[in-house]
Amino acid sequence: MPYFDAASSAPLHPVARQALIASLDEGWADPARLYREGRRARMLLDAAREAAAEAVGCAPGELSFTSSGTTAVHRGAAGALAGRRRAGRHLVVSAVEHSCVLHAADAHERDGGTVSRVTVDRGGRVAVTEFREALRADTALACLQSANHEVGTTQPIAEVAGTCREAGVPLLVDAAQTMGWEPVPGDWSVLAASAHKWGGPAGVGLLAVRRGTRFAPQGPADERESGRAAGFENIPAVVAAVAGLRAARAEADAEAQRLRKLVERVRTRVTELVPDVEVVGDPRHRLPHVVTFSCLYVDGEALLHELDRAGFSVSSGSSCTSSTLEPSHVLRAMGVLSEGNVRVSLPRGTSAEEVERFLGVLPGAVSAVRERLEAPAGPVARSRAEASGDEPALTVDSLGKRCPIPVIELAKAITGVPVGSVIAVLSDDEAARLDIPAWCSMRRQEYVGERAAERGAAYLVRRRA
């Protein structure tokens, strides 16, 4: 059964597995003790730290091991903000950061700090000029991911790091998605990463704080890991994580070149095989193994189940698959279609045959979901009549209905009004605010705007074809 969700968690690399098993007999003791078993454990931990620091591009004393990538982010952000408290309490993040960064930003706001969220373009990439403009005299810290976890877009880290350095602001980089492929470029100050993203075991994170960065560790005081991470180190897991990182890096160039071709195949063929599909994410600045697309008139959860039954494990940022029923904050920030969203992230070793099998299964899976939802089969028909004005000629009541039903009802109803007329869709589904404008763009209709309603909102669309 092909597993296509490596961006969530990559399969354990064979080298990491071997290192884990081999270190279980030597790495169980307390590395802080002076007796023989403790010294052996310390040797393993020190060797792992040196190898990890080399891969990260920092000194061994600047790197700490944490219990997860999320912990590394929270510790890194809290420590950097506390260390720079005299400079100010302003935090800058991008709108597409991982939720752990946004949670840290929310906690900072609750504690009385301020946060600026830098917008992204339709491909999910920040503009260096806009990031520069967000920096202020009281900015204590800036955060920018090296690559997005949902759509694979890479960010201009080196340029932003230079801008932050000129402004005297430390930059925290969430490098979870890129650490297994290459070092993070630029003059960053704090870096966080997670081992299970590159084929190491879960439960190991990296936190690097470069010398010269004002940093005050927060949370329970602990003498371990320079005070940046409390608790007893899981030395076998740390050794396995670093071994997996070194192995992944050794294979990175060749594997990236191979996987990029497979991803390009998916990007090209999916729009040819399935009607009404939008491929999202920057077409040039992106990870080699990730491709994301959204399908009109499709329930995301139903599509994932359909693909799972066909033997393919994929992920989604669709609101139809979330417990909150809100669209992914990444897709919302990009302004792209969220319904029927599928993220394919290929693990190392994925074959061309597996990708072709996926492309063979996908059209039938999408069609099956659309048929169950009684979605429109094709483009809206043209009408000879013409109309004008902004007052709705027809109102579609989709209150209480969830993604993708409001868009499906819009697509069906618009055939009943003349070209030039406006149709209003009443919806209290948060995803409609994103998906209706995206539908208009894909179907060459005009999105007029949004009006307040007693419940939810009225989304106005003018028929142009």
Protein backbone atom coordinates (compact mmCIF):
# COMPACT_ATOMS: atom_id res chain seq x y z
CA MET A 1 0.00 0.00 0.00
CA PRO A 2 1.78 3.21 -1.15
CA TYR A 3 2.29 5.72 1.64
CA PHE A 4 2.21 9.26 0.23
CA ASP A 5 2.24 11.35 3.44
CA ALA A 6 5.96 11.82 4.13
CA ALA A 7 5.47 15.51 4.96
CA SER A 8 3.52 14.42 8.04
CA SER A 9 5.92 11.69 9.07
CA ALA A 10 8.48 9.88 6.94
CA PRO A 11 9.00 6.12 7.31
CA LEU A 12 11.91 5.22 9.58
CA HIS A 13 15.09 5.22 7.51
CA PRO A 14 16.88 1.81 7.53
CA VAL A 15 20.05 3.46 8.82
CA ALA A 16 18.09 5.07 11.66
CA ARG A 17 16.57 1.72 12.54
CA GLN A 18 19.99 0.05 12.70
CA ALA A 19 21.40 2.86 14.84
CA LEU A 20 18.43 2.68 17.20
CA ILE A 21 18.84 -1.04 17.78
CA ALA A 22 22.61 -0.81 18.14
CA SER A 23 22.48 2.04 20.68
CA LEU A 24 19.88 0.45 22.96
CA ASP A 25 22.55 -1.56 24.74
CA GLU A 26 24.92 1.39 25.26
CA GLY A 27 22.73 4.47 25.57
CA TRP A 28 20.41 3.64 28.44
CA ALA A 29 22.41 5.13 31.32
CA ASP A 30 22.47 8.71 32.61
CA PRO A 31 25.04 10.64 30.55
CA ALA A 32 25.55 13.07 33.46
CA ARG A 33 27.05 10.34 35.67
CA LEU A 34 30.76 9.64 35.94
CA TYR A 35 30.68 5.85 36.13
CA ARG A 36 31.39 3.60 33.16
CA GLU A 37 27.84 3.25 31.85
CA GLY A 38 27.28 6.99 32.12
CA ARG A 39 30.50 7.72 30.24
CA ARG A 40 29.43 5.41 27.39
CA ALA A 41 26.09 7.14 27.16
CA ARG A 42 27.81 10.53 27.20
CA MET A 43 30.10 9.49 24.33
CA LEU A 44 27.10 8.52 22.22
CA LEU A 45 25.29 11.76 23.03
CA ASP A 46 28.33 13.94 22.31
CA ALA A 47 29.02 12.20 19.01
CA ALA A 48 25.39 12.62 17.97
CA ARG A 49 25.46 16.30 18.90
CA GLU A 50 28.60 16.92 16.84
CA ALA A 51 27.14 15.17 13.80
CA ALA A 52 23.83 16.99 14.12
CA ALA A 53 25.54 20.36 14.51
CA GLU A 54 27.55 19.72 11.35
CA ALA A 55 24.33 18.96 9.45
CA VAL A 56 22.59 22.03 10.84
CA GLY A 57 25.54 24.36 10.32
CA CYS A 58 26.20 25.42 13.90
CA ALA A 59 28.61 24.65 16.73
CA PRO A 60 27.88 21.60 18.93
CA GLY A 61 27.45 23.83 21.98
CA GLU A 62 24.71 25.75 20.17
CA LEU A 63 22.53 22.67 19.60
CA SER A 64 20.14 20.99 22.04
CA PHE A 65 17.95 17.91 21.67
CA THR A 66 14.28 18.26 22.64
CA SER A 67 11.38 15.85 22.96
CA SER A 68 9.79 16.99 19.67
CA GLY A 69 9.93 19.57 16.93
CA THR A 70 6.93 21.34 18.49
CA THR A 71 8.78 21.59 21.80
CA ALA A 72 11.81 22.97 19.96
CA VAL A 73 9.66 25.69 18.37
CA HIS A 74 7.95 26.64 21.63
CA ARG A 75 11.21 26.63 23.60
CA GLY A 76 13.00 28.56 20.87
CA ALA A 77 10.31 31.22 20.52
CA ALA A 78 9.78 31.64 24.28
CA GLY A 79 13.51 31.82 25.00
CA ALA A 80 14.24 34.31 22.23
CA LEU A 81 11.29 36.54 23.19
CA ALA A 82 12.29 36.50 26.84
CA GLY A 83 15.91 37.21 26.02
CA ARG A 84 14.89 40.24 23.97
CA ARG A 85 12.21 41.57 26.29
CA ARG A 86 14.04 44.87 26.78
CA ALA A 87 14.08 45.43 23.01
CA GLY A 88 10.32 45.09 22.81
CA ARG A 89 7.41 42.65 22.74
CA HIS A 90 6.63 42.61 19.04
CA LEU A 91 6.70 39.30 17.14
CA VAL A 92 6.63 38.85 13.35
CA VAL A 93 5.44 35.59 11.75
CA SER A 94 4.27 34.60 8.30
CA ALA A 95 0.60 33.78 7.79
CA VAL A 96 1.43 30.23 6.69
CA GLU A 97 3.62 29.10 9.60
CA HIS A 98 3.01 25.69 11.14
CA SER A 99 0.33 25.72 13.81
CA CYS A 100 2.94 25.27 16.56
CA VAL A 101 4.46 28.63 15.61
CA LEU A 102 1.04 30.27 15.46
CA HIS A 103 0.17 28.77 18.85
CA ALA A 104 3.34 30.32 20.25
CA ALA A 105 2.29 33.64 18.71
CA ASP A 106 -1.17 33.35 20.27
CA ALA A 107 0.40 32.66 23.68
CA HIS A 108 2.62 35.72 23.24
CA GLU A 109 -0.43 37.89 22.51
CA ARG A 110 -2.27 36.54 25.55
CA ASP A 111 0.77 37.52 27.61
CA GLY A 112 0.51 41.12 26.42
CA GLY A 113 2.75 41.03 23.35
CA THR A 114 1.88 42.10 19.81
CA VAL A 115 2.09 40.04 16.62
CA SER A 116 2.33 40.99 12.94
CA ARG A 117 1.40 38.30 10.41
CA VAL A 118 3.07 38.75 7.02
CA THR A 119 0.84 37.80 4.10
CA VAL A 120 1.84 35.51 1.24
CA ASP A 121 1.14 35.45 -2.48
CA ARG A 122 -1.15 32.93 -4.17
CA GLY A 123 1.76 30.48 -4.29
CA GLY A 124 2.26 30.69 -0.52
CA ARG A 125 5.53 32.66 -0.59
CA VAL A 126 6.34 35.80 1.39
CA ALA A 127 7.77 38.93 -0.21
CA VAL A 128 11.07 40.00 1.36
CA THR A 129 10.02 43.65 1.13
CA GLU A 130 6.80 43.00 3.03
CA PHE A 131 8.67 41.04 5.69
CA ARG A 132 11.11 43.94 6.03
CA GLU A 133 8.24 46.41 6.44
CA ALA A 134 6.79 44.30 9.28
CA LEU A 135 9.96 44.71 11.36
CA ARG A 136 9.80 47.53 13.91
CA ALA A 137 12.02 49.15 16.48
CA ASP A 138 10.33 47.05 19.17
CA THR A 139 10.44 43.74 17.26
CA ALA A 140 11.93 41.09 19.53
CA LEU A 141 11.76 38.10 17.16
CA ALA A 142 10.76 37.09 13.63
CA CYS A 143 9.72 33.58 12.54
CA LEU A 144 9.71 32.08 9.06
CA GLN A 145 9.45 28.43 8.03
CA SER A 146 11.97 27.18 5.47
CA ALA A 147 9.22 25.38 3.54
CA ASN A 148 5.50 25.02 3.96
CA HIS A 149 4.18 21.74 5.31
CA GLU A 150 0.89 21.79 3.36
CA VAL A 151 1.81 22.97 -0.14
CA GLY A 152 5.60 22.54 -0.27
CA THR A 153 6.45 26.17 -1.07
CA THR A 154 9.95 27.16 0.02
CA GLN A 155 10.64 30.59 1.49
CA PRO A 156 13.46 33.10 0.77
CA ILE A 157 15.16 32.32 4.07
CA ALA A 158 18.62 33.70 3.24
CA GLU A 159 17.20 37.03 2.06
CA VAL A 160 14.85 37.39 5.04
CA ALA A 161 17.64 36.42 7.43
CA GLY A 162 19.81 39.16 5.96
CA THR A 163 17.00 41.67 6.34
CA CYS A 164 16.46 40.65 9.96
CA ARG A 165 20.18 40.87 10.69
CA GLU A 166 20.31 44.41 9.27
CA ALA A 167 17.39 45.34 11.54
CA GLY A 168 19.03 43.70 14.57
CA VAL A 169 16.19 41.18 14.91
CA PRO A 170 16.85 37.44 15.44
CA LEU A 171 15.15 35.06 13.00
CA LEU A 172 13.72 31.72 14.14
CA VAL A 173 13.46 29.20 11.30
CA ASP A 174 11.14 26.21 11.48
CA ALA A 175 13.22 23.86 9.30
CA ALA A 176 11.17 20.71 9.84
CA GLN A 177 10.41 20.17 6.14
CA THR A 178 13.85 20.95 4.69
CA MET A 179 16.37 19.68 7.24
CA GLY A 180 16.50 16.24 5.63
CA TRP A 181 17.25 17.76 2.23
CA GLU A 182 19.79 20.51 2.84
CA PRO A 183 21.16 22.95 5.44
CA VAL A 184 19.16 26.12 6.03
CA PRO A 185 20.96 29.01 4.32
CA GLY A 186 21.50 32.49 5.68
CA ASP A 187 22.36 34.17 8.93
CA TRP A 188 19.49 32.81 11.02
CA SER A 189 19.62 32.97 14.83
CA VAL A 190 17.37 30.15 16.09
CA LEU A 191 16.40 26.93 14.31
CA ALA A 192 13.97 24.13 15.12
CA ALA A 193 13.51 20.78 13.39
CA SER A 194 11.84 17.40 13.95
CA ALA A 195 13.46 14.01 13.34
CA HIS A 196 10.40 12.12 12.14
CA LYS A 197 10.18 14.42 9.11
CA TRP A 198 13.45 13.07 7.63
CA GLY A 199 13.13 9.41 8.62
CA GLY A 200 14.28 9.51 12.22
CA PRO A 201 12.16 8.29 15.13
CA ALA A 202 9.37 10.44 16.53
CA GLY A 203 10.06 12.17 19.83
CA VAL A 204 13.31 13.91 18.90
CA GLY A 205 13.59 17.59 18.01
CA LEU A 206 16.53 19.88 17.34
CA LEU A 207 16.90 23.37 18.77
CA ALA A 208 19.87 25.47 17.68
CA VAL A 209 20.60 28.88 19.16
CA ARG A 210 23.59 30.62 17.59
CA ARG A 211 26.07 32.45 19.78
CA GLY A 212 25.31 36.13 20.15
CA THR A 213 21.56 35.55 20.23
CA ARG A 214 19.99 36.85 23.44
CA PHE A 215 18.20 33.82 24.82
CA ALA A 216 16.62 33.17 28.22
CA PRO A 217 15.34 29.57 28.56
CA GLN A 218 11.77 29.40 29.82
CA GLY A 219 9.92 26.65 31.62
CA PRO A 220 11.21 24.27 34.29
CA ALA A 221 14.87 24.84 35.09
CA ASP A 222 17.11 21.93 34.16
CA GLU A 223 20.86 21.54 33.89
CA ARG A 224 20.52 19.30 30.83
CA GLU A 225 20.79 20.51 27.22
CA SER A 226 22.09 23.94 28.24
CA GLY A 227 18.87 24.50 30.16
CA ARG A 228 16.90 24.69 26.89
CA ALA A 229 15.18 21.31 27.21
CA ALA A 230 14.19 19.69 30.47
CA GLY A 231 14.32 15.96 31.10
CA PHE A 232 16.45 12.89 30.57
CA GLU A 233 17.73 12.59 26.99
CA ASN A 234 16.44 9.62 24.97
CA ILE A 235 19.92 8.73 23.74
CA PRO A 236 19.03 5.75 21.50
CA ALA A 237 16.38 7.85 19.74
CA VAL A 238 18.79 10.80 19.44
CA VAL A 239 21.48 8.58 17.93
CA ALA A 240 18.96 7.09 15.49
CA ALA A 241 17.66 10.54 14.55
CA VAL A 242 21.12 11.85 13.73
CA ALA A 243 22.08 8.70 11.84
CA GLY A 244 18.89 9.05 9.81
CA LEU A 245 19.65 12.71 9.13
CA ARG A 246 23.15 11.94 7.85
CA ALA A 247 21.83 9.12 5.66
CA ALA A 248 19.04 11.28 4.27
CA ARG A 249 21.49 14.06 3.44
CA ALA A 250 23.82 11.62 1.69
CA GLU A 251 20.96 10.56 -0.59
CA ALA A 252 19.35 13.98 -0.90
CA ASP A 253 20.67 15.24 -4.24
CA ALA A 254 19.94 12.09 -6.22
CA GLU A 255 16.62 11.43 -4.51
CA ALA A 256 15.44 15.04 -4.88
CA GLN A 257 16.16 14.95 -8.59
CA ARG A 258 14.24 11.69 -9.00
CA LEU A 259 11.25 12.67 -6.85
CA ARG A 260 10.98 16.10 -8.47
CA LYS A 261 10.30 14.39 -11.81
CA LEU A 262 7.57 12.26 -10.26
CA VAL A 263 5.98 15.29 -8.61
CA GLU A 264 6.08 17.21 -11.89
CA ARG A 265 4.31 14.26 -13.49
CA VAL A 266 1.52 14.52 -10.92
CA ARG A 267 1.30 18.32 -11.26
CA THR A 268 0.88 18.02 -15.02
CA ARG A 269 -1.35 14.97 -15.28
CA VAL A 270 -3.81 15.69 -12.48
CA THR A 271 -5.29 18.68 -14.32
CA GLU A 272 -5.51 16.64 -17.52
CA LEU A 273 -7.16 13.64 -15.89
CA VAL A 274 -9.57 15.37 -13.50
CA PRO A 275 -11.75 18.36 -14.47
CA ASP A 276 -12.06 21.38 -12.17
CA VAL A 277 -8.81 20.89 -10.26
CA GLU A 278 -6.46 23.61 -9.00
CA VAL A 279 -2.82 22.72 -8.29
CA VAL A 280 -1.65 24.96 -5.43
CA GLY A 281 1.76 26.04 -4.20
CA ASP A 282 4.61 27.85 -5.92
CA PRO A 283 5.51 26.05 -9.19
CA ARG A 284 9.25 26.84 -8.91
CA HIS A 285 10.13 27.45 -5.28
CA ARG A 286 9.04 24.16 -3.73
CA LEU A 287 10.11 20.97 -2.03
CA PRO A 288 11.04 18.13 -4.38
CA HIS A 289 8.56 15.61 -3.00
CA VAL A 290 5.32 17.54 -2.34
CA VAL A 291 2.40 18.37 -4.63
CA THR A 292 -0.97 19.68 -3.46
CA PHE A 293 -4.20 20.15 -5.40
CA SER A 294 -7.85 20.94 -4.69
CA CYS A 295 -10.90 19.51 -6.45
CA LEU A 296 -14.15 21.41 -6.93
CA TYR A 297 -17.38 19.82 -5.68
CA VAL A 298 -15.53 17.27 -3.52
CA ASP A 299 -15.78 16.47 0.18
CA GLY A 300 -12.17 16.18 1.34
CA GLU A 301 -12.79 13.49 3.94
CA ALA A 302 -14.77 11.37 1.50
CA LEU A 303 -12.01 11.66 -1.10
CA LEU A 304 -9.33 10.62 1.39
CA HIS A 305 -11.40 7.58 2.36
CA GLU A 306 -11.92 6.73 -1.32
CA LEU A 307 -8.18 6.90 -1.98
CA ASP A 308 -7.46 4.90 1.17
CA ARG A 309 -9.78 2.14 -0.03
CA ALA A 310 -7.84 2.16 -3.30
CA GLY A 311 -4.60 1.66 -1.35
CA PHE A 312 -3.15 5.19 -1.16
CA SER A 313 -2.39 7.12 2.03
CA VAL A 314 -2.53 10.87 1.45
CA SER A 315 -3.26 13.97 3.53
CA SER A 316 -5.50 17.02 3.20
CA GLY A 317 -5.84 20.62 4.35
CA SER A 318 -9.52 20.69 3.44
CA SER A 319 -12.02 22.01 5.96
CA CYS A 320 -14.09 18.92 5.16
CA THR A 321 -11.53 16.80 7.01
CA SER A 322 -11.02 19.01 10.07
CA SER A 323 -12.86 18.87 13.36
CA THR A 324 -13.24 22.67 13.33
CA LEU A 325 -14.84 22.68 9.85
CA GLU A 326 -12.66 25.68 9.03
CA PRO A 327 -10.37 25.73 5.99
CA SER A 328 -6.66 25.30 6.46
CA HIS A 329 -5.06 28.57 7.58
CA VAL A 330 -2.42 28.01 4.89
CA LEU A 331 -4.92 27.68 2.03
CA ARG A 332 -6.92 30.58 3.43
CA ALA A 333 -3.84 32.82 3.54
CA MET A 334 -3.04 31.88 -0.06
CA GLY A 335 -6.60 32.56 -1.21
CA VAL A 336 -6.90 29.26 -3.08
CA LEU A 337 -9.59 26.61 -3.27
CA SER A 338 -9.75 24.54 -0.07
CA GLU A 339 -12.44 21.95 -0.81
CA GLY A 340 -11.35 18.52 -1.96
CA ASN A 341 -7.76 19.30 -1.01
CA VAL A 342 -5.16 16.53 -1.40
CA ARG A 343 -1.49 16.68 -0.42
CA VAL A 344 0.75 14.04 -1.95
CA SER A 345 4.19 13.90 -0.29
CA LEU A 346 6.37 11.12 -1.63
CA PRO A 347 8.76 9.30 0.70
CA ARG A 348 12.22 8.33 -0.46
CA GLY A 349 12.12 5.25 -2.66
CA THR A 350 8.70 5.95 -4.21
CA SER A 351 8.62 4.37 -7.65
CA ALA A 352 7.28 5.74 -10.93
CA GLU A 353 4.92 2.75 -11.08
CA GLU A 354 3.32 3.72 -7.77
CA VAL A 355 2.77 7.28 -9.00
CA GLU A 356 1.18 6.02 -12.23
CA ARG A 357 -1.11 3.76 -10.22
CA PHE A 358 -2.18 6.76 -8.15
CA LEU A 359 -2.91 8.79 -11.29
CA GLY A 360 -4.94 5.88 -12.59
CA VAL A 361 -7.04 5.67 -9.42
CA LEU A 362 -7.56 9.39 -8.78
CA PRO A 363 -10.09 10.24 -11.54
CA GLY A 364 -12.43 7.45 -10.47
CA ALA A 365 -12.14 8.40 -6.80
CA VAL A 366 -13.01 12.05 -7.52
CA SER A 367 -15.90 11.05 -9.80
CA ALA A 368 -17.31 8.71 -7.17
CA VAL A 369 -17.38 11.46 -4.55
CA ARG A 370 -18.89 13.98 -6.95
CA GLU A 371 -21.60 11.54 -7.96
CA ARG A 372 -22.56 10.93 -4.34
CA LEU A 373 -22.83 14.70 -3.83
CA GLU A 374 -24.77 15.14 -7.11
CA ALA A 375 -22.25 17.71 -8.28
CA PRO A 376 -22.46 19.41 -11.69
CA ALA A 377 -20.94 17.30 -14.44
CA GLY A 378 -19.43 20.15 -16.47
CA PRO A 379 -19.25 23.89 -17.15
CA VAL A 380 -22.38 26.00 -16.82
CA ALA A 381 -24.35 26.46 -20.01
CA ARG A 382 -24.51 29.82 -21.77
CA SER A 383 -27.70 31.86 -21.76
CA ARG A 384 -28.81 34.22 -24.53
CA ALA A 385 -30.42 36.61 -22.09
CA GLU A 386 -28.42 39.46 -20.56
CA ALA A 387 -28.93 41.27 -17.27
CA SER A 388 -27.13 43.85 -15.16
CA GLY A 389 -27.15 45.37 -11.67
CA ASP A 390 -25.84 44.23 -8.31
CA GLU A 391 -29.09 43.16 -6.68
CA PRO A 392 -29.41 39.35 -6.59
CA ALA A 393 -31.69 37.85 -9.18
CA LEU A 394 -31.63 34.60 -7.18
CA THR A 395 -30.71 33.67 -3.61
CA VAL A 396 -29.44 30.21 -2.72
CA ASP A 397 -29.94 29.26 0.94
CA SER A 398 -27.00 27.04 1.97
CA LEU A 399 -27.16 27.86 5.67
CA GLY A 400 -26.22 24.92 7.83
CA LYS A 401 -24.56 23.10 4.95
CA ARG A 402 -20.85 22.38 4.89
CA CYS A 403 -18.10 22.29 2.29
CA PRO A 404 -18.47 21.57 -0.59
CA ILE A 405 -22.29 21.79 -0.67
CA PRO A 406 -22.57 25.64 -0.91
CA VAL A 407 -20.33 25.66 -3.99
CA ILE A 408 -22.20 22.74 -5.56
CA GLU A 409 -25.55 24.52 -5.05
CA LEU A 410 -24.09 27.71 -6.53
CA ALA A 411 -22.87 25.84 -9.60
CA LYS A 412 -26.30 24.29 -10.14
CA ALA A 413 -28.28 27.47 -9.52
CA ILE A 414 -26.25 29.85 -11.69
CA THR A 415 -27.52 28.16 -14.85
CA GLY A 416 -30.99 29.52 -13.99
CA VAL A 417 -30.09 33.22 -14.22
CA PRO A 418 -29.17 35.31 -17.29
CA VAL A 419 -25.60 36.33 -18.06
CA GLY A 420 -24.90 39.56 -16.14
CA SER A 421 -27.23 38.69 -13.25
CA VAL A 422 -26.06 38.35 -9.68
CA ILE A 423 -26.75 35.29 -7.57
CA ALA A 424 -26.42 35.36 -3.76
CA VAL A 425 -25.32 32.34 -1.74
CA LEU A 426 -26.22 32.38 1.96
CA SER A 427 -23.72 30.34 3.97
CA ASP A 428 -22.45 30.08 7.53
CA ASP A 429 -19.64 27.74 6.52
CA GLU A 430 -16.26 29.45 6.99
CA ALA A 431 -14.87 27.62 3.95
CA ALA A 432 -17.34 29.37 1.65
CA ARG A 433 -15.48 32.66 2.14
CA LEU A 434 -12.51 31.03 0.41
CA ASP A 435 -14.10 28.52 -1.93
CA ILE A 436 -16.72 30.68 -3.64
CA PRO A 437 -14.19 33.27 -4.91
CA ALA A 438 -11.92 30.38 -5.96
CA TRP A 439 -14.81 28.77 -7.84
CA CYS A 440 -15.47 32.05 -9.64
CA SER A 441 -11.85 32.26 -10.73
CA MET A 442 -11.82 28.67 -11.99
CA ARG A 443 -15.21 28.94 -13.77
CA ARG A 444 -14.68 32.46 -15.17
CA GLN A 445 -17.48 34.01 -13.18
CA GLU A 446 -17.25 37.36 -11.35
CA TYR A 447 -17.05 37.41 -7.58
CA VAL A 448 -18.86 40.61 -6.57
CA GLY A 449 -18.21 40.44 -2.84
CA GLU A 450 -19.66 39.56 0.53
CA ARG A 451 -22.54 41.08 2.49
CA ALA A 452 -23.54 40.58 6.09
CA ALA A 453 -26.58 38.39 6.71
CA GLU A 454 -28.61 37.45 9.78
CA ARG A 455 -26.66 34.22 9.86
CA GLY A 456 -23.31 33.81 8.15
CA ALA A 457 -22.86 35.90 5.03
CA ALA A 458 -24.27 36.43 1.55
CA TYR A 459 -21.69 35.79 -1.18
CA LEU A 460 -22.51 37.57 -4.44
CA VAL A 461 -21.54 36.15 -7.82
CA ARG A 462 -22.23 37.66 -11.25
CA ARG A 463 -22.71 35.25 -14.11
CA ARG A 464 -20.27 36.03 -16.92
CA ALA A 465 -20.51 32.84 -18.99
